[in-house]
Amino acid sequence: MEDRGGKSIHSFVGEFKIRNGSGVGVVQTGDSLYIGTGRHFAPPIDGDRVGVAVWAEDGTRRFPAIDEPAYFHFRGDRLEFESRSLDGVEMRIVLSLFQIRRDDGSLYRAPYGLVVIGDPDQVGAWGADDNPDDPSPIRWG
C-alpha cells in the first residue's frame, strides 16, 4: 500500500460510516457521514465549499440541527466549519482525510475530525471510513 497524497475538495466527497466517536454529541459511533453527495442534506461542491450532514442509525439527522445545509470550506488539505448558536456559543468542526491505495488498486479513504463546542476543553474526536459493510477494512499481515 502506498500513500496517495494530493488531496482536493473532491477527495472528501462520499458516504462514510463513523467507526468511533467520543466527546461532543454531533457525531456518534454508528452514524453515517455524507459529504457533498447531493442527497441526505449534503449539497454537492460549490466552489471551495461542500455540504456535510450526519445521520444517526435510526434515520434522524443529527447535523445540521437546523433546516439549512451546513457548508464546510476547503482550506489547505482539510474541511472547516464555524458557527455560533443564537446564544453565542461557538462551534468549530475540522475534517481531515487519510487515504491510501490498497494492493488491489482500490482507494481506502478514512475521514477523521474534531468538534469543539464553546469551551476548548469540550472536544469530540471521531474517525470514519468508506467501507460501510466491513468494520475492519484493512488486514495487516
Foldseek 3Di string as FASTA:
>chain_A
DFFPDDADLVVPADKKAWCQKDFDPLDHHGKIKGWQPCDPLWNHDDPQKTFIWIAHPVGHTSPPPDPHTFIWGDDDQWTKGWDADPVGKIKIKIKHWGWDQDPVRDIKIKIKIWMDIHDNVRIMITIITRPVVDSDPDDDD
